[in-house]
Structure formats: C-alpha cells, structure tokens
Amino acid sequence: MTTITNTSTVDQPTESSGGVRTWLAPLARDIAIPVGAYFAMHKLGYSDFAGLLAGTVLSAAMLIFLAIRSRRLEVMSAIILCGFVVGLVLSLITGDPRLMIAKDSAATVLIGLAFLISAMIGKPLIYLAARKGIAAGGQAKLAEFEEAYRTNPDKRRAFTVLSVMWGAGLLGEAVLRIVLAYQLPIHTMAWLSPVLMICVIAPLFTVSMLARKRGQRP
C-alpha cells in the first residue's frame, strides 16, 4: 500500500545528519498518508477496500503534486505512477482489497528489474544516480568522478554490486508483499506493508551510504 515517492533517496545517499533527515521526512510522509487514510476511513465505518483506495488516491495525488512542483517527472516516479494507475484500475474492476495491497509490488518489481538490468549492461543505476548528484557540484567534480569510474575497476564493481543489491532487495520485498497480502488479514497488511518496505529500504540505504563513505577515503 505504500510506495516511496521521493526516489532521490537512492540517488544520492548522504552521510550528514541533515541528509538522513531529508531522507526520513518523505519516507515518514509516504507511510503516514496511505496508512492514516486507511485507518481513518475504517474508523468512519468504510470498508477495507474504500480505506485502501483512499490511501492509494492520496499517494498518487502527492506524487503528481511533487512532479508539478518540481516541473519534472523522474523515470522511477513515472514507473511508480504507472503502478498506481494500473493497480487502481485492476482493483476497481475486481473490487479486491488484497489486490489493492499487492498492486504496489508491480512498481517495485519494475524498479528492481531496472537495477538488475542496468548492472547487467554495464550502466548501473547507482552510478548514473551518483553521477547526476555530482554533476550539480560542477563540471570539474563530474570529470574527476567519471575518470575515477573509468580507471578504477573497484569503483565500477562497487556500483555494480550496489545496483544488484538494490534490485534483489526490491524484488524480494515485492514477492513477499504479494504472498503476505493473500495470507494475512487486510488490517494487518495495512500497516505491515510499509514496515516491510522500511525493513528493506533502510538497510539498502545504510549499506549504500557506508559504501559511499568508503569510496571517498584516500
């Protein structure tokens, strides 16, 4: 039921406490909106499906609002939005609240596959994301970064391993969510779904941040 709308969290892990807060703030928002909507609707007497639908609509609206405010729609954000739309349509057709929970796995699977495929073709998404972040610091820093990536096989291997790690982690989380969506009560999955996301994203983010620190050492 919950999908991270701020994909910059995997783009450029930061080692400062301010950066961590910047990462945690959108994560908290992305969890609070759908979960809060579900339990609020449920308390008002609406069905599980209606509560989950409200959370999905609000999450999609937030994603669209952020895209309009920044005047751009990132590739991963577009994938997430497509997952919202497809899942919403299928859920409305079937009326299945469990499908409403499992639908978020569609976007997660696509993003996970993107990480794995990028590593296979030699263009790891973690590298491309880091390159984008460094480019904001000027052409000199970007040129230094690209030269290090080109000449240092350990750096290339690190970016590839991180991309594979993110891909495998996201795919595993998606599969687990689908299985649990049809095994556990809906009101349990309403809060457990975002917990699963945190249990996967937080370690991946931490490892990426530690790898970045290690890569910056002389």
Protein backbone atom coordinates (compact mmCIF):
# COMPACT_ATOMS: atom_id res chain seq x y z
CA MET A 1 0.00 0.00 0.00
CA THR A 2 2.98 2.28 0.43
CA THR A 3 5.48 3.36 -2.19
CA ILE A 4 8.30 5.83 -1.77
CA THR A 5 7.56 8.90 -3.85
CA ASN A 6 10.93 10.54 -3.29
CA THR A 7 13.26 8.39 -5.36
CA SER A 8 16.19 10.66 -4.67
CA THR A 9 16.81 8.65 -1.54
CA VAL A 10 18.56 6.01 -3.60
CA ASP A 11 20.01 8.54 -5.97
CA GLN A 12 22.48 10.17 -3.65
CA PRO A 13 22.96 8.75 -0.17
CA THR A 14 24.32 11.38 2.16
CA GLU A 15 26.44 10.99 5.23
CA SER A 16 25.26 14.07 7.13
CA SER A 17 22.55 14.06 9.77
CA GLY A 18 20.72 16.67 7.71
CA GLY A 19 20.77 14.34 4.73
CA VAL A 20 19.38 11.50 6.81
CA ARG A 21 16.56 13.78 7.99
CA THR A 22 15.94 14.73 4.37
CA TRP A 23 15.57 11.04 3.59
CA LEU A 24 13.42 10.21 6.61
CA ALA A 25 10.96 13.08 6.13
CA PRO A 26 9.49 11.94 2.77
CA LEU A 27 9.59 8.32 3.95
CA ALA A 28 7.51 9.20 7.00
CA ARG A 29 5.12 11.15 4.79
CA ASP A 30 4.76 8.31 2.30
CA ILE A 31 3.90 5.94 5.12
CA ALA A 32 1.64 8.27 7.08
CA ILE A 33 -0.60 9.29 4.16
CA PRO A 34 -1.88 5.87 3.00
CA VAL A 35 -1.84 4.22 6.43
CA GLY A 36 -3.54 7.20 8.05
CA ALA A 37 -6.15 7.32 5.29
CA TYR A 38 -6.91 3.61 5.66
CA PHE A 39 -7.43 3.66 9.42
CA ALA A 40 -9.34 6.96 9.31
CA MET A 41 -11.75 5.58 6.71
CA HIS A 42 -12.03 2.32 8.61
CA LYS A 43 -12.89 4.17 11.83
CA LEU A 44 -15.62 6.07 9.97
CA GLY A 45 -17.18 2.75 9.03
CA TYR A 46 -15.99 2.40 5.46
CA SER A 47 -14.85 -0.92 4.02
CA ASP A 48 -11.27 -2.14 3.75
CA PHE A 49 -11.40 -1.53 0.03
CA ALA A 50 -12.56 2.07 0.47
CA GLY A 51 -9.83 2.75 3.02
CA LEU A 52 -7.09 1.30 0.83
CA LEU A 53 -8.50 3.15 -2.17
CA ALA A 54 -8.34 6.45 -0.30
CA GLY A 55 -4.71 5.81 0.61
CA THR A 56 -3.81 4.96 -2.98
CA VAL A 57 -5.53 8.05 -4.40
CA LEU A 58 -3.87 10.34 -1.87
CA SER A 59 -0.44 8.82 -2.53
CA ALA A 60 -0.86 9.19 -6.29
CA ALA A 61 -2.06 12.78 -5.83
CA MET A 62 1.03 13.54 -3.74
CA LEU A 63 3.29 12.08 -6.44
CA ILE A 64 1.61 14.20 -9.12
CA PHE A 65 1.81 17.30 -6.93
CA LEU A 66 5.55 16.81 -6.37
CA ALA A 67 6.11 16.31 -10.10
CA ILE A 68 4.19 19.50 -10.92
CA ARG A 69 6.02 21.48 -8.23
CA SER A 70 9.44 20.36 -9.47
CA ARG A 71 8.26 20.63 -13.09
CA ARG A 72 9.68 17.22 -13.93
CA LEU A 73 8.77 13.57 -13.56
CA GLU A 74 11.72 11.27 -12.87
CA VAL A 75 11.81 7.84 -14.52
CA MET A 76 11.26 5.97 -11.26
CA SER A 77 8.46 8.33 -10.28
CA ALA A 78 6.84 7.64 -13.64
CA ILE A 79 7.11 3.89 -13.02
CA ILE A 80 5.54 4.30 -9.59
CA LEU A 81 2.72 6.41 -11.02
CA CYS A 82 2.06 3.82 -13.73
CA GLY A 83 1.92 1.19 -11.00
CA PHE A 84 -0.63 3.29 -9.14
CA VAL A 85 -2.79 3.69 -12.23
CA VAL A 86 -2.67 0.05 -13.34
CA GLY A 87 -3.23 -1.24 -9.82
CA LEU A 88 -6.07 1.21 -9.23
CA VAL A 89 -7.85 0.20 -12.43
CA LEU A 90 -7.48 -3.52 -11.71
CA SER A 91 -8.61 -3.04 -8.12
CA LEU A 92 -11.69 -1.09 -9.18
CA ILE A 93 -12.58 -3.78 -11.73
CA THR A 94 -12.18 -6.68 -9.31
CA GLY A 95 -13.13 -4.91 -6.08
CA ASP A 96 -10.47 -7.00 -4.33
CA PRO A 97 -8.89 -5.15 -1.37
CA ARG A 98 -6.00 -7.63 -1.29
CA LEU A 99 -5.11 -6.67 -4.84
CA MET A 100 -5.05 -3.07 -3.65
CA ILE A 101 -2.27 -4.04 -1.23
CA ALA A 102 -0.40 -6.27 -3.67
CA LYS A 103 -0.51 -3.73 -6.51
CA ASP A 104 2.42 -1.72 -5.12
CA SER A 105 4.62 -4.70 -5.87
CA ALA A 106 4.19 -4.03 -9.60
CA ALA A 107 6.16 -0.78 -9.44
CA THR A 108 8.67 -2.31 -7.03
CA VAL A 109 9.27 -5.22 -9.42
CA LEU A 110 9.84 -2.86 -12.34
CA ILE A 111 12.29 -0.74 -10.37
CA GLY A 112 14.07 -3.83 -9.06
CA LEU A 113 14.40 -5.20 -12.59
CA ALA A 114 15.71 -1.83 -13.77
CA PHE A 115 18.50 -2.04 -11.18
CA LEU A 116 19.42 -5.58 -12.21
CA ILE A 117 19.29 -4.94 -15.95
CA SER A 118 21.36 -1.77 -15.59
CA ALA A 119 24.05 -3.78 -13.79
CA MET A 120 24.00 -6.45 -16.49
CA ILE A 121 24.51 -3.97 -19.33
CA GLY A 122 27.29 -2.10 -17.56
CA LYS A 123 25.34 1.05 -16.69
CA PRO A 124 24.45 0.57 -13.00
CA LEU A 125 21.63 2.82 -11.87
CA ILE A 126 23.52 3.63 -8.67
CA TYR A 127 26.37 5.01 -10.80
CA LEU A 128 24.01 7.04 -13.00
CA ALA A 129 22.25 8.41 -9.93
CA ALA A 130 25.54 9.31 -8.22
CA ARG A 131 26.76 10.93 -11.44
CA LYS A 132 23.63 13.07 -11.54
CA GLY A 133 24.18 14.22 -7.96
CA ILE A 134 27.85 15.01 -8.52
CA ALA A 135 27.09 16.92 -11.72
CA ALA A 136 25.32 19.50 -9.57
CA GLY A 137 28.69 20.29 -7.99
CA GLY A 138 30.24 21.42 -11.26
CA GLN A 139 31.96 20.00 -14.32
CA ALA A 140 35.33 19.62 -12.58
CA LYS A 141 33.94 17.28 -9.92
CA LEU A 142 31.96 15.39 -12.55
CA ALA A 143 35.04 14.90 -14.73
CA GLU A 144 37.03 13.65 -11.71
CA PHE A 145 34.24 11.26 -10.79
CA GLU A 146 33.94 9.87 -14.33
CA GLU A 147 37.71 9.43 -14.63
CA ALA A 148 37.80 7.51 -11.35
CA TYR A 149 34.95 5.30 -12.52
CA ARG A 150 36.65 4.67 -15.88
CA THR A 151 40.08 3.83 -14.49
CA ASN A 152 39.26 2.16 -11.17
CA PRO A 153 37.75 -1.35 -11.53
CA ASP A 154 37.00 -1.49 -7.80
CA LYS A 155 34.70 1.54 -8.10
CA ARG A 156 32.94 0.03 -11.11
CA ARG A 157 32.50 -3.22 -9.24
CA ALA A 158 31.14 -1.40 -6.18
CA PHE A 159 28.48 0.41 -8.22
CA THR A 160 27.52 -2.85 -9.93
CA VAL A 161 27.25 -4.74 -6.64
CA LEU A 162 25.14 -1.97 -5.08
CA SER A 163 22.78 -1.96 -8.08
CA VAL A 164 22.40 -5.75 -7.91
CA MET A 165 21.82 -5.50 -4.17
CA TRP A 166 19.06 -2.90 -4.63
CA GLY A 167 17.47 -4.91 -7.42
CA ALA A 168 17.46 -8.18 -5.49
CA GLY A 169 16.22 -6.48 -2.32
CA LEU A 170 13.33 -4.73 -4.04
CA LEU A 171 12.29 -7.86 -5.94
CA GLY A 172 12.37 -9.91 -2.74
CA GLU A 173 10.26 -7.31 -0.91
CA ALA A 174 7.72 -7.25 -3.75
CA VAL A 175 7.33 -11.03 -3.79
CA LEU A 176 7.00 -11.19 -0.01
CA ARG A 177 4.31 -8.46 -0.02
CA ILE A 178 2.26 -10.34 -2.62
CA VAL A 179 2.44 -13.59 -0.64
CA LEU A 180 1.53 -11.94 2.66
CA ALA A 181 -1.26 -9.88 1.06
CA TYR A 182 -3.16 -13.11 0.45
CA GLN A 183 -2.17 -14.83 3.69
CA LEU A 184 -2.66 -12.22 6.42
CA PRO A 185 -5.72 -10.17 7.43
CA ILE A 186 -6.15 -6.94 5.49
CA HIS A 187 -5.99 -4.70 8.56
CA THR A 188 -2.64 -6.31 9.43
CA MET A 189 -1.20 -5.75 5.96
CA ALA A 190 -2.40 -2.13 6.04
CA TRP A 191 0.42 -1.33 8.48
CA LEU A 192 2.75 -4.26 7.77
CA SER A 193 3.20 -3.34 4.11
CA PRO A 194 5.09 -0.10 4.87
CA VAL A 195 7.02 -1.87 7.63
CA LEU A 196 8.25 -4.38 5.05
CA MET A 197 9.34 -1.50 2.86
CA ILE A 198 11.29 0.10 5.70
CA CYS A 199 12.94 -3.21 6.62
CA VAL A 200 14.28 -3.47 3.07
CA ILE A 201 14.96 0.17 2.13
CA ALA A 202 16.68 1.16 5.39
CA PRO A 203 19.44 -1.49 5.20
CA LEU A 204 19.94 -0.85 1.48
CA PHE A 205 20.27 2.87 2.14
CA THR A 206 22.67 2.27 5.04
CA VAL A 207 24.93 -0.03 3.01
CA SER A 208 24.92 2.47 0.12
CA MET A 209 25.85 5.28 2.48
CA LEU A 210 28.69 3.25 4.05
CA ALA A 211 29.95 2.33 0.59
CA ARG A 212 29.98 5.98 -0.35
CA LYS A 213 31.98 6.89 2.74
CA ARG A 214 34.47 4.13 1.98
CA GLY A 215 34.77 5.28 -1.62
CA GLN A 216 35.61 8.82 -0.52
CA ARG A 217 38.58 7.67 1.57
CA PRO A 218 42.00 8.34 0.06
